Amino acid sequence: MTYATDRLHEEIAYVAYHFHWALDDILDLEHADRLRYTGEIAKINTRMRGPG
């Protein structure tokens, strides 16, 4: 199974921006782990924005 390059770049940029991790560290993550981190970052951002 292949993974869309654009989507991969989005995930990498999202994690790198928020956690300041190196590219190699992010690429070493399994796909499921990277998705988990992007989900957790999204939850943090939602909580920080507070009630809408």
N, C-alpha and C. Protein backbone atom coordinates (compact mmCIF):
# COMPACT_ATOMS: atom_id res chain seq x y z
N MET A 1 0.85 -1.18 0.00
CA MET A 1 0.00 0.00 0.00
C MET A 1 0.89 1.24 0.00
N THR A 2 0.56 2.20 -0.82
CA THR A 2 1.30 3.45 -0.84
C THR A 2 0.52 4.52 -0.10
N TYR A 3 1.24 5.51 0.33
CA TYR A 3 0.64 6.59 1.09
C TYR A 3 0.87 7.87 0.31
N ALA A 4 -0.13 8.68 0.15
CA ALA A 4 -0.04 9.89 -0.65
C ALA A 4 1.08 10.79 -0.13
N THR A 5 1.96 11.17 -1.03
CA THR A 5 3.11 12.00 -0.67
C THR A 5 2.67 13.32 -0.04
N ASP A 6 1.64 13.94 -0.60
CA ASP A 6 1.17 15.21 -0.04
C ASP A 6 0.70 15.04 1.40
N ARG A 7 -0.02 13.96 1.65
CA ARG A 7 -0.51 13.72 3.02
C ARG A 7 0.65 13.46 3.97
N LEU A 8 1.63 12.72 3.54
CA LEU A 8 2.81 12.46 4.36
C LEU A 8 3.50 13.77 4.71
N HIS A 9 3.67 14.64 3.74
CA HIS A 9 4.31 15.94 3.99
C HIS A 9 3.50 16.77 4.98
N GLU A 10 2.18 16.72 4.87
CA GLU A 10 1.32 17.45 5.82
C GLU A 10 1.53 16.94 7.24
N GLU A 11 1.55 15.63 7.41
CA GLU A 11 1.75 15.06 8.74
C GLU A 11 3.11 15.44 9.30
N ILE A 12 4.15 15.34 8.48
CA ILE A 12 5.50 15.68 8.92
C ILE A 12 5.57 17.15 9.34
N ALA A 13 5.03 18.03 8.53
CA ALA A 13 5.06 19.46 8.84
C ALA A 13 4.30 19.76 10.12
N TYR A 14 3.18 19.11 10.31
CA TYR A 14 2.33 19.33 11.48
C TYR A 14 3.06 18.94 12.76
N VAL A 15 3.65 17.75 12.76
CA VAL A 15 4.38 17.28 13.94
C VAL A 15 5.64 18.12 14.16
N ALA A 16 6.37 18.40 13.10
CA ALA A 16 7.60 19.18 13.22
C ALA A 16 7.30 20.58 13.76
N TYR A 17 6.26 21.20 13.26
CA TYR A 17 5.90 22.55 13.69
C TYR A 17 5.55 22.60 15.18
N HIS A 18 4.76 21.64 15.62
CA HIS A 18 4.26 21.67 17.00
C HIS A 18 5.24 21.08 18.01
N PHE A 19 5.98 20.06 17.64
CA PHE A 19 6.87 19.40 18.59
C PHE A 19 8.33 19.74 18.36
N HIS A 20 8.63 20.39 17.24
CA HIS A 20 10.02 20.76 16.91
C HIS A 20 10.93 19.54 16.82
N TRP A 21 10.39 18.46 16.30
CA TRP A 21 11.17 17.24 16.11
C TRP A 21 11.89 17.29 14.77
N ALA A 22 13.01 16.62 14.70
CA ALA A 22 13.78 16.53 13.47
C ALA A 22 13.05 15.65 12.45
N LEU A 23 13.28 15.93 11.18
CA LEU A 23 12.65 15.18 10.10
C LEU A 23 12.92 13.68 10.22
N ASP A 24 14.16 13.31 10.48
CA ASP A 24 14.49 11.88 10.58
C ASP A 24 13.72 11.20 11.71
N ASP A 25 13.53 11.90 12.82
CA ASP A 25 12.78 11.32 13.94
C ASP A 25 11.32 11.09 13.56
N ILE A 26 10.75 12.03 12.83
CA ILE A 26 9.36 11.88 12.42
C ILE A 26 9.22 10.77 11.39
N LEU A 27 10.16 10.71 10.44
CA LEU A 27 10.10 9.67 9.42
C LEU A 27 10.32 8.28 10.00
N ASP A 28 11.01 8.19 11.13
CA ASP A 28 11.22 6.89 11.78
C ASP A 28 9.97 6.34 12.44
N LEU A 29 8.97 7.19 12.64
CA LEU A 29 7.72 6.74 13.27
C LEU A 29 6.95 5.83 12.31
N GLU A 30 6.29 4.85 12.89
CA GLU A 30 5.34 4.06 12.11
C GLU A 30 4.17 4.96 11.74
N HIS A 31 3.52 4.64 10.65
CA HIS A 31 2.41 5.47 10.17
C HIS A 31 1.35 5.66 11.26
N ALA A 32 0.98 4.58 11.92
CA ALA A 32 -0.05 4.66 12.96
C ALA A 32 0.38 5.58 14.11
N ASP A 33 1.65 5.54 14.47
CA ASP A 33 2.15 6.40 15.53
C ASP A 33 2.12 7.87 15.11
N ARG A 34 2.51 8.13 13.85
CA ARG A 34 2.49 9.50 13.35
C ARG A 34 1.06 10.03 13.34
N LEU A 35 0.11 9.20 12.93
CA LEU A 35 -1.29 9.62 12.96
C LEU A 35 -1.76 9.89 14.38
N ARG A 36 -1.32 9.08 15.30
CA ARG A 36 -1.69 9.29 16.71
C ARG A 36 -1.18 10.63 17.21
N TYR A 37 0.07 10.96 16.88
CA TYR A 37 0.61 12.25 17.29
C TYR A 37 -0.14 13.41 16.65
N THR A 38 -0.48 13.31 15.38
CA THR A 38 -1.23 14.40 14.75
C THR A 38 -2.59 14.57 15.41
N GLY A 39 -3.21 13.47 15.78
CA GLY A 39 -4.49 13.54 16.49
C GLY A 39 -4.36 14.17 17.86
N GLU A 40 -3.31 13.81 18.58
CA GLU A 40 -3.10 14.38 19.91
C GLU A 40 -2.79 15.88 19.82
N ILE A 41 -2.01 16.28 18.83
CA ILE A 41 -1.73 17.70 18.63
C ILE A 41 -3.04 18.45 18.35
N ALA A 42 -3.89 17.88 17.52
CA ALA A 42 -5.17 18.51 17.21
C ALA A 42 -6.01 18.68 18.46
N LYS A 43 -6.02 17.68 19.34
CA LYS A 43 -6.78 17.79 20.60
C LYS A 43 -6.21 18.90 21.48
N ILE A 44 -4.89 18.98 21.57
CA ILE A 44 -4.25 20.03 22.36
C ILE A 44 -4.65 21.40 21.82
N ASN A 45 -4.58 21.56 20.50
CA ASN A 45 -4.94 22.84 19.89
C ASN A 45 -6.39 23.20 20.16
N THR A 46 -7.27 22.22 20.11
CA THR A 46 -8.69 22.47 20.38
C THR A 46 -8.89 22.92 21.82
N ARG A 47 -8.24 22.24 22.76
CA ARG A 47 -8.36 22.63 24.17
C ARG A 47 -7.80 24.03 24.42
N MET A 48 -6.70 24.37 23.77
CA MET A 48 -6.09 25.67 23.98
C MET A 48 -6.96 26.80 23.43
N ARG A 49 -7.71 26.52 22.37
CA ARG A 49 -8.61 27.54 21.81
C ARG A 49 -9.78 27.81 22.74
N GLY A 50 -10.12 26.82 23.54
CA GLY A 50 -11.22 26.98 24.47
C GLY A 50 -12.57 26.92 23.80
N PRO A 51 -13.62 27.15 24.59
CA PRO A 51 -14.97 27.09 24.04
C PRO A 51 -15.16 28.14 22.95
N GLY A 52 -15.79 27.70 21.88
CA GLY A 52 -15.96 28.56 20.72
C GLY A 52 -17.16 29.40 20.79
